[in-house]
Amino acid sequence: MMEPHELYGLWIVLCPAISALAADLLAREWGAKAPWSLMAGLVFGFSGLVQNALLEGQIYQTLLVGLPSLALCVRRFQVSESFS
């Protein structure tokens, strides 16, 4: 079983990284190539919003994976040919 401070440290590192991965996938969906999509992911995942949430102690706001995931789903829905 993990101690609370270990879980806190894991959350601080893992959640922005997952958010960065989702933003990287969204950038690739929009047509960005390898180094630029990675930069978009890093800028989104480790942005000032995340840093501000960490400083305020609101670590649940570091998991921003829903924003690029929603945009990715809407994009794929819009380019699909059917609703099924």
PDB file of N, CA and C in Angstrom:
ATOM      1  N   MET A   1       0.844  -1.181   0.000  1.00  0.00           N
ATOM      2  CA  MET A   1       0.000   0.000   0.000  1.00  0.00           C
ATOM      3  C   MET A   1       0.887   1.241   0.000  1.00  0.00           C
ATOM      4  N   MET A   2       0.451   2.227  -0.748  1.00  0.00           N
ATOM      5  CA  MET A   2       1.237   3.462  -0.870  1.00  0.00           C
ATOM      6  C   MET A   2       0.895   4.423   0.255  1.00  0.00           C
ATOM      7  N   GLU A   3       1.900   5.141   0.678  1.00  0.00           N
ATOM      8  CA  GLU A   3       1.704   6.209   1.650  1.00  0.00           C
ATOM      9  C   GLU A   3       1.078   7.413   0.948  1.00  0.00           C
ATOM     10  N   PRO A   4       0.373   8.264   1.688  1.00  0.00           N
ATOM     11  CA  PRO A   4      -0.269   9.424   1.053  1.00  0.00           C
ATOM     12  C   PRO A   4       0.703  10.358   0.343  1.00  0.00           C
ATOM     13  N   HIS A   5       1.891  10.589   0.911  1.00  0.00           N
ATOM     14  CA  HIS A   5       2.838  11.491   0.254  1.00  0.00           C
ATOM     15  C   HIS A   5       3.417  10.866  -1.012  1.00  0.00           C
ATOM     16  N   GLU A   6       3.521   9.534  -1.072  1.00  0.00           N
ATOM     17  CA  GLU A   6       3.968   8.873  -2.295  1.00  0.00           C
ATOM     18  C   GLU A   6       2.904   8.981  -3.390  1.00  0.00           C
ATOM     19  N   LEU A   7       1.661   8.810  -3.002  1.00  0.00           N
ATOM     20  CA  LEU A   7       0.556   8.945  -3.951  1.00  0.00           C
ATOM     21  C   LEU A   7       0.454  10.380  -4.470  1.00  0.00           C
ATOM     22  N   TYR A   8       0.678  11.336  -3.587  1.00  0.00           N
ATOM     23  CA  TYR A   8       0.674  12.754  -3.972  1.00  0.00           C
ATOM     24  C   TYR A   8       1.766  13.030  -5.000  1.00  0.00           C
ATOM     25  N   GLY A   9       2.970  12.535  -4.757  1.00  0.00           N
ATOM     26  CA  GLY A   9       4.070  12.727  -5.691  1.00  0.00           C
ATOM     27  C   GLY A   9       3.825  12.051  -7.023  1.00  0.00           C
ATOM     28  N   LEU A  10       3.244  10.859  -6.991  1.00  0.00           N
ATOM     29  CA  LEU A  10       2.916  10.154  -8.222  1.00  0.00           C
ATOM     30  C   LEU A  10       1.864  10.912  -9.021  1.00  0.00           C
ATOM     31  N   TRP A  11       0.865  11.445  -8.338  1.00  0.00           N
ATOM     32  CA  TRP A  11      -0.201  12.203  -8.996  1.00  0.00           C
ATOM     33  C   TRP A  11       0.360  13.461  -9.659  1.00  0.00           C
ATOM     34  N   ILE A  12       1.279  14.141  -8.970  1.00  0.00           N
ATOM     35  CA  ILE A  12       1.864  15.384  -9.482  1.00  0.00           C
ATOM     36  C   ILE A  12       2.619  15.139 -10.785  1.00  0.00           C
ATOM     37  N   VAL A  13       3.249  13.984 -10.919  1.00  0.00           N
ATOM     38  CA  VAL A  13       4.022  13.684 -12.126  1.00  0.00           C
ATOM     39  C   VAL A  13       3.156  13.024 -13.197  1.00  0.00           C
ATOM     40  N   LEU A  14       2.323  12.097 -12.795  1.00  0.00           N
ATOM     41  CA  LEU A  14       1.591  11.278 -13.754  1.00  0.00           C
ATOM     42  C   LEU A  14       0.453  12.026 -14.450  1.00  0.00           C
ATOM     43  N   CYS A  15      -0.306  12.809 -13.730  1.00  0.00           N
ATOM     44  CA  CYS A  15      -1.472  13.474 -14.325  1.00  0.00           C
ATOM     45  C   CYS A  15      -1.106  14.506 -15.392  1.00  0.00           C
ATOM     46  N   PRO A  16      -0.139  15.384 -15.172  1.00  0.00           N
ATOM     47  CA  PRO A  16       0.243  16.275 -16.283  1.00  0.00           C
ATOM     48  C   PRO A  16       0.826  15.516 -17.467  1.00  0.00           C
ATOM     49  N   ALA A  17       1.505  14.396 -17.206  1.00  0.00           N
ATOM     50  CA  ALA A  17       2.054  13.606 -18.313  1.00  0.00           C
ATOM     51  C   ALA A  17       0.936  12.976 -19.143  1.00  0.00           C
ATOM     52  N   ILE A  18      -0.117  12.497 -18.497  1.00  0.00           N
ATOM     53  CA  ILE A  18      -1.258  11.933 -19.220  1.00  0.00           C
ATOM     54  C   ILE A  18      -1.974  13.026 -20.010  1.00  0.00           C
ATOM     55  N   SER A  19      -2.103  14.204 -19.423  1.00  0.00           N
ATOM     56  CA  SER A  19      -2.713  15.328 -20.123  1.00  0.00           C
ATOM     57  C   SER A  19      -1.874  15.733 -21.333  1.00  0.00           C
ATOM     58  N   ALA A  20      -0.550  15.704 -21.179  1.00  0.00           N
ATOM     59  CA  ALA A  20       0.342  16.035 -22.286  1.00  0.00           C
ATOM     60  C   ALA A  20       0.217  15.009 -23.406  1.00  0.00           C
ATOM     61  N   LEU A  21       0.059  13.741 -23.055  1.00  0.00           N
ATOM     62  CA  LEU A  21      -0.118  12.705 -24.070  1.00  0.00           C
ATOM     63  C   LEU A  21      -1.413  12.920 -24.851  1.00  0.00           C
ATOM     64  N   ALA A  22      -2.481  13.279 -24.154  1.00  0.00           N
ATOM     65  CA  ALA A  22      -3.753  13.534 -24.841  1.00  0.00           C
ATOM     66  C   ALA A  22      -3.646  14.741 -25.766  1.00  0.00           C
ATOM     67  N   ALA A  23      -2.952  15.784 -25.338  1.00  0.00           N
ATOM     68  CA  ALA A  23      -2.769  16.957 -26.199  1.00  0.00           C
ATOM     69  C   ALA A  23      -1.882  16.627 -27.391  1.00  0.00           C
ATOM     70  N   ASP A  24      -0.900  15.762 -27.199  1.00  0.00           N
ATOM     71  CA  ASP A  24      -0.053  15.317 -28.300  1.00  0.00           C
ATOM     72  C   ASP A  24      -0.875  14.552 -29.333  1.00  0.00           C
ATOM     73  N   LEU A  25      -1.758  13.683 -28.879  1.00  0.00           N
ATOM     74  CA  LEU A  25      -2.624  12.946 -29.801  1.00  0.00           C
ATOM     75  C   LEU A  25      -3.564  13.878 -30.555  1.00  0.00           C
ATOM     76  N   LEU A  26      -4.070  14.896 -29.877  1.00  0.00           N
ATOM     77  CA  LEU A  26      -4.935  15.868 -30.546  1.00  0.00           C
ATOM     78  C   LEU A  26      -4.165  16.651 -31.604  1.00  0.00           C
ATOM     79  N   ALA A  27      -2.948  17.054 -31.287  1.00  0.00           N
ATOM     80  CA  ALA A  27      -2.140  17.792 -32.259  1.00  0.00           C
ATOM     81  C   ALA A  27      -1.828  16.926 -33.471  1.00  0.00           C
ATOM     82  N   ARG A  28      -1.578  15.640 -33.253  1.00  0.00           N
ATOM     83  CA  ARG A  28      -1.338  14.735 -34.381  1.00  0.00           C
ATOM     84  C   ARG A  28      -2.605  14.555 -35.220  1.00  0.00           C
ATOM     85  N   GLU A  29      -3.749  14.542 -34.553  1.00  0.00           N
ATOM     86  CA  GLU A  29      -5.017  14.437 -35.282  1.00  0.00           C
ATOM     87  C   GLU A  29      -5.236  15.660 -36.167  1.00  0.00           C
ATOM     88  N   TRP A  30      -4.808  16.811 -35.711  1.00  0.00           N
ATOM     89  CA  TRP A  30      -4.956  18.037 -36.481  1.00  0.00           C
ATOM     90  C   TRP A  30      -3.892  18.200 -37.557  1.00  0.00           C
ATOM     91  N   GLY A  31      -2.921  17.266 -37.601  1.00  0.00           N
ATOM     92  CA  GLY A  31      -1.925  17.281 -38.662  1.00  0.00           C
ATOM     93  C   GLY A  31      -0.547  17.774 -38.276  1.00  0.00           C
ATOM     94  N   ALA A  32      -0.285  17.999 -37.010  1.00  0.00           N
ATOM     95  CA  ALA A  32       1.048  18.432 -36.590  1.00  0.00           C
ATOM     96  C   ALA A  32       2.009  17.249 -36.652  1.00  0.00           C
ATOM     97  N   LYS A  33       3.229  17.486 -37.052  1.00  0.00           N
ATOM     98  CA  LYS A  33       4.236  16.434 -37.155  1.00  0.00           C
ATOM     99  C   LYS A  33       4.942  16.254 -35.811  1.00  0.00           C
ATOM    100  N   ALA A  34       5.838  15.287 -35.770  1.00  0.00           N
ATOM    101  CA  ALA A  34       6.409  14.763 -34.532  1.00  0.00           C
ATOM    102  C   ALA A  34       6.982  15.800 -33.550  1.00  0.00           C
ATOM    103  N   PRO A  35       7.933  16.637 -33.871  1.00  0.00           N
ATOM    104  CA  PRO A  35       8.444  17.485 -32.788  1.00  0.00           C
ATOM    105  C   PRO A  35       7.445  18.541 -32.326  1.00  0.00           C
ATOM    106  N   TRP A  36       6.592  18.994 -33.235  1.00  0.00           N
ATOM    107  CA  TRP A  36       5.650  20.058 -32.884  1.00  0.00           C
ATOM    108  C   TRP A  36       4.482  19.521 -32.074  1.00  0.00           C
ATOM    109  N   SER A  37       4.050  18.315 -32.365  1.00  0.00           N
ATOM    110  CA  SER A  37       2.972  17.745 -31.562  1.00  0.00           C
ATOM    111  C   SER A  37       3.460  17.457 -30.152  1.00  0.00           C
ATOM    112  N   LEU A  38       4.707  17.033 -30.023  1.00  0.00           N
ATOM    113  CA  LEU A  38       5.279  16.803 -28.691  1.00  0.00           C
ATOM    114  C   LEU A  38       5.376  18.111 -27.912  1.00  0.00           C
ATOM    115  N   MET A  39       5.778  19.172 -28.597  1.00  0.00           N
ATOM    116  CA  MET A  39       5.864  20.466 -27.934  1.00  0.00           C
ATOM    117  C   MET A  39       4.480  20.953 -27.498  1.00  0.00           C
ATOM    118  N   ALA A  40       3.484  20.739 -28.338  1.00  0.00           N
ATOM    119  CA  ALA A  40       2.117  21.127 -27.967  1.00  0.00           C
ATOM    120  C   ALA A  40       1.655  20.357 -26.733  1.00  0.00           C
ATOM    121  N   GLY A  41       1.978  19.070 -26.687  1.00  0.00           N
ATOM    122  CA  GLY A  41       1.615  18.272 -25.525  1.00  0.00           C
ATOM    123  C   GLY A  41       2.307  18.733 -24.263  1.00  0.00           C
ATOM    124  N   LEU A  42       3.588  19.007 -24.346  1.00  0.00           N
ATOM    125  CA  LEU A  42       4.325  19.460 -23.162  1.00  0.00           C
ATOM    126  C   LEU A  42       3.857  20.828 -22.683  1.00  0.00           C
ATOM    127  N   VAL A  43       3.588  21.720 -23.625  1.00  0.00           N
ATOM    128  CA  VAL A  43       3.112  23.050 -23.248  1.00  0.00           C
ATOM    129  C   VAL A  43       1.747  22.968 -22.588  1.00  0.00           C
ATOM    130  N   PHE A  44       0.877  22.104 -23.098  1.00  0.00           N
ATOM    131  CA  PHE A  44      -0.445  21.957 -22.492  1.00  0.00           C
ATOM    132  C   PHE A  44      -0.359  21.226 -21.151  1.00  0.00           C
ATOM    133  N   GLY A  45       0.369  20.125 -21.126  1.00  0.00           N
ATOM    134  CA  GLY A  45       0.402  19.300 -19.922  1.00  0.00           C
ATOM    135  C   GLY A  45       1.080  19.957 -18.740  1.00  0.00           C
ATOM    136  N   PHE A  46       2.086  20.750 -18.993  1.00  0.00           N
ATOM    137  CA  PHE A  46       2.835  21.381 -17.909  1.00  0.00           C
ATOM    138  C   PHE A  46       2.718  22.901 -17.991  1.00  0.00           C
ATOM    139  N   SER A  47       1.514  23.369 -18.239  1.00  0.00           N
ATOM    140  CA  SER A  47       1.265  24.793 -18.429  1.00  0.00           C
ATOM    141  C   SER A  47       1.196  25.529 -17.093  1.00  0.00           C
ATOM    142  N   GLY A  48       0.991  26.818 -17.191  1.00  0.00           N
ATOM    143  CA  GLY A  48       0.856  27.635 -15.992  1.00  0.00           C
ATOM    144  C   GLY A  48      -0.365  27.281 -15.176  1.00  0.00           C
ATOM    145  N   LEU A  49      -1.412  26.811 -15.838  1.00  0.00           N
ATOM    146  CA  LEU A  49      -2.611  26.391 -15.122  1.00  0.00           C
ATOM    147  C   LEU A  49      -2.304  25.236 -14.178  1.00  0.00           C
ATOM    148  N   VAL A  50      -1.511  24.289 -14.655  1.00  0.00           N
ATOM    149  CA  VAL A  50      -1.122  23.146 -13.824  1.00  0.00           C
ATOM    150  C   VAL A  50      -0.214  23.613 -12.691  1.00  0.00           C
ATOM    151  N   GLN A  51       0.727  24.477 -12.995  1.00  0.00           N
ATOM    152  CA  GLN A  51       1.635  24.969 -11.964  1.00  0.00           C
ATOM    153  C   GLN A  51       0.878  25.759 -10.891  1.00  0.00           C
ATOM    154  N   ASN A  52      -0.083  26.545 -11.313  1.00  0.00           N
ATOM    155  CA  ASN A  52      -0.898  27.298 -10.368  1.00  0.00           C
ATOM    156  C   ASN A  52      -1.718  26.361  -9.484  1.00  0.00           C
ATOM    157  N   ALA A  53      -2.267  25.309 -10.075  1.00  0.00           N
ATOM    158  CA  ALA A  53      -3.044  24.340  -9.290  1.00  0.00           C
ATOM    159  C   ALA A  53      -2.159  23.643  -8.267  1.00  0.00           C
ATOM    160  N   LEU A  54      -0.921  23.344  -8.638  1.00  0.00           N
ATOM    161  CA  LEU A  54       0.000  22.712  -7.688  1.00  0.00           C
ATOM    162  C   LEU A  54       0.366  23.663  -6.556  1.00  0.00           C
ATOM    163  N   LEU A  55       0.583  24.924  -6.884  1.00  0.00           N
ATOM    164  CA  LEU A  55       0.922  25.892  -5.846  1.00  0.00           C
ATOM    165  C   LEU A  55      -0.220  26.106  -4.867  1.00  0.00           C
ATOM    166  N   GLU A  56      -1.444  26.031  -5.372  1.00  0.00           N
ATOM    167  CA  GLU A  56      -2.610  26.210  -4.509  1.00  0.00           C
ATOM    168  C   GLU A  56      -2.995  24.933  -3.778  1.00  0.00           C
ATOM    169  N   GLY A  57      -2.381  23.797  -4.141  1.00  0.00           N
ATOM    170  CA  GLY A  57      -2.686  22.544  -3.481  1.00  0.00           C
ATOM    171  C   GLY A  57      -3.909  21.836  -4.037  1.00  0.00           C
ATOM    172  N   GLN A  58      -4.369  22.246  -5.188  1.00  0.00           N
ATOM    173  CA  GLN A  58      -5.547  21.617  -5.801  1.00  0.00           C
ATOM    174  C   GLN A  58      -5.070  20.647  -6.875  1.00  0.00           C
ATOM    175  N   ILE A  59      -4.565  19.491  -6.439  1.00  0.00           N
ATOM    176  CA  ILE A  59      -3.920  18.584  -7.387  1.00  0.00           C
ATOM    177  C   ILE A  59      -4.913  17.914  -8.326  1.00  0.00           C
ATOM    178  N   TYR A  60      -6.176  17.898  -7.991  1.00  0.00           N
ATOM    179  CA  TYR A  60      -7.154  17.303  -8.889  1.00  0.00           C
ATOM    180  C   TYR A  60      -7.281  18.109 -10.175  1.00  0.00           C
ATOM    181  N   GLN A  61      -6.872  19.366 -10.175  1.00  0.00           N
ATOM    182  CA  GLN A  61      -6.936  20.193 -11.384  1.00  0.00           C
ATOM    183  C   GLN A  61      -5.752  19.976 -12.311  1.00  0.00           C
ATOM    184  N   THR A  62      -4.819  19.099 -11.930  1.00  0.00           N
ATOM    185  CA  THR A  62      -3.697  18.803 -12.814  1.00  0.00           C
ATOM    186  C   THR A  62      -4.062  17.747 -13.849  1.00  0.00           C
ATOM    187  N   LEU A  63      -5.173  17.063 -13.667  1.00  0.00           N
ATOM    188  CA  LEU A  63      -5.616  16.056 -14.623  1.00  0.00           C
ATOM    189  C   LEU A  63      -6.548  16.720 -15.632  1.00  0.00           C
ATOM    190  N   LEU A  64      -5.973  17.223 -16.705  1.00  0.00           N
ATOM    191  CA  LEU A  64      -6.726  17.951 -17.725  1.00  0.00           C
ATOM    192  C   LEU A  64      -6.902  17.114 -18.987  1.00  0.00           C
ATOM    193  N   VAL A  65      -6.896  15.815 -18.837  1.00  0.00           N
ATOM    194  CA  VAL A  65      -6.967  14.934 -20.000  1.00  0.00           C
ATOM    195  C   VAL A  65      -8.318  15.032 -20.707  1.00  0.00           C
ATOM    196  N   GLY A  66      -9.334  15.493 -20.027  1.00  0.00           N
ATOM    197  CA  GLY A  66     -10.664  15.571 -20.616  1.00  0.00           C
ATOM    198  C   GLY A  66     -10.797  16.621 -21.704  1.00  0.00           C
ATOM    199  N   LEU A  67     -10.055  17.712 -21.602  1.00  0.00           N
ATOM    200  CA  LEU A  67     -10.165  18.781 -22.593  1.00  0.00           C
ATOM    201  C   LEU A  67      -9.686  18.350 -23.974  1.00  0.00           C
ATOM    202  N   PRO A  68      -8.445  17.862 -24.117  1.00  0.00           N
ATOM    203  CA  PRO A  68      -8.044  17.427 -25.458  1.00  0.00           C
ATOM    204  C   PRO A  68      -8.763  16.162 -25.906  1.00  0.00           C
ATOM    205  N   SER A  69      -9.156  15.312 -24.978  1.00  0.00           N
ATOM    206  CA  SER A  69      -9.891  14.097 -25.356  1.00  0.00           C
ATOM    207  C   SER A  69     -11.259  14.439 -25.934  1.00  0.00           C
ATOM    208  N   LEU A  70     -11.921  15.406 -25.353  1.00  0.00           N
ATOM    209  CA  LEU A  70     -13.211  15.835 -25.878  1.00  0.00           C
ATOM    210  C   LEU A  70     -13.053  16.452 -27.264  1.00  0.00           C
ATOM    211  N   ALA A  71     -12.044  17.297 -27.435  1.00  0.00           N
ATOM    212  CA  ALA A  71     -11.802  17.894 -28.744  1.00  0.00           C
ATOM    213  C   ALA A  71     -11.454  16.827 -29.780  1.00  0.00           C
ATOM    214  N   LEU A  72     -10.720  15.799 -29.373  1.00  0.00           N
ATOM    215  CA  LEU A  72     -10.376  14.705 -30.271  1.00  0.00           C
ATOM    216  C   LEU A  72     -11.615  13.920 -30.683  1.00  0.00           C
ATOM    217  N   CYS A  73     -12.492  13.658 -29.732  1.00  0.00           N
ATOM    218  CA  CYS A  73     -13.728  12.931 -30.047  1.00  0.00           C
ATOM    219  C   CYS A  73     -14.648  13.748 -30.953  1.00  0.00           C
ATOM    220  N   VAL A  74     -14.762  15.039 -30.708  1.00  0.00           N
ATOM    221  CA  VAL A  74     -15.597  15.897 -31.556  1.00  0.00           C
ATOM    222  C   VAL A  74     -15.012  15.962 -32.956  1.00  0.00           C
ATOM    223  N   ARG A  75     -13.712  16.069 -33.070  1.00  0.00           N
ATOM    224  CA  ARG A  75     -13.051  16.113 -34.382  1.00  0.00           C
ATOM    225  C   ARG A  75     -13.309  14.829 -35.162  1.00  0.00           C
ATOM    226  N   ARG A  76     -13.145  13.688 -34.497  1.00  0.00           N
ATOM    227  CA  ARG A  76     -13.368  12.405 -35.181  1.00  0.00           C
ATOM    228  C   ARG A  76     -14.833  12.218 -35.545  1.00  0.00           C
ATOM    229  N   PHE A  77     -15.725  12.743 -34.722  1.00  0.00           N
ATOM    230  CA  PHE A  77     -17.148  12.668 -35.046  1.00  0.00           C
ATOM    231  C   PHE A  77     -17.473  13.513 -36.265  1.00  0.00           C
ATOM    232  N   GLN A  78     -16.873  14.687 -36.352  1.00  0.00           N
ATOM    233  CA  GLN A  78     -17.156  15.587 -37.461  1.00  0.00           C
ATOM    234  C   GLN A  78     -16.643  15.067 -38.793  1.00  0.00           C
ATOM    235  N   VAL A  79     -15.539  14.347 -38.794  1.00  0.00           N
ATOM    236  CA  VAL A  79     -14.984  13.854 -40.060  1.00  0.00           C
ATOM    237  C   VAL A  79     -15.512  12.480 -40.436  1.00  0.00           C
ATOM    238  N   SER A  80     -16.282  11.844 -39.546  1.00  0.00           N
ATOM    239  CA  SER A  80     -16.830  10.540 -39.885  1.00  0.00           C
ATOM    240  C   SER A  80     -17.961  10.699 -40.900  1.00  0.00           C
ATOM    241  N   GLU A  81     -18.154   9.667 -41.668  1.00  0.00           N
ATOM    242  CA  GLU A  81     -19.154   9.739 -42.731  1.00  0.00           C
ATOM    243  C   GLU A  81     -20.553   9.345 -42.260  1.00  0.00           C
ATOM    244  N   SER A  82     -20.637   8.606 -41.172  1.00  0.00           N
ATOM    245  CA  SER A  82     -21.952   8.182 -40.696  1.00  0.00           C
ATOM    246  C   SER A  82     -22.037   8.397 -39.190  1.00  0.00           C
ATOM    247  N   PHE A  83     -23.236   8.339 -38.666  1.00  0.00           N
ATOM    248  CA  PHE A  83     -23.432   8.519 -37.234  1.00  0.00           C
ATOM    249  C   PHE A  83     -23.314   7.225 -36.446  1.00  0.00           C
ATOM    250  N   SER A  84     -23.214   6.104 -37.123  1.00  0.00           N
ATOM    251  CA  SER A  84     -23.159   4.818 -36.419  1.00  0.00           C
ATOM    252  C   SER A  84     -21.766   4.474 -35.966  1.00  0.00           C
TER     253      SER A  84
END
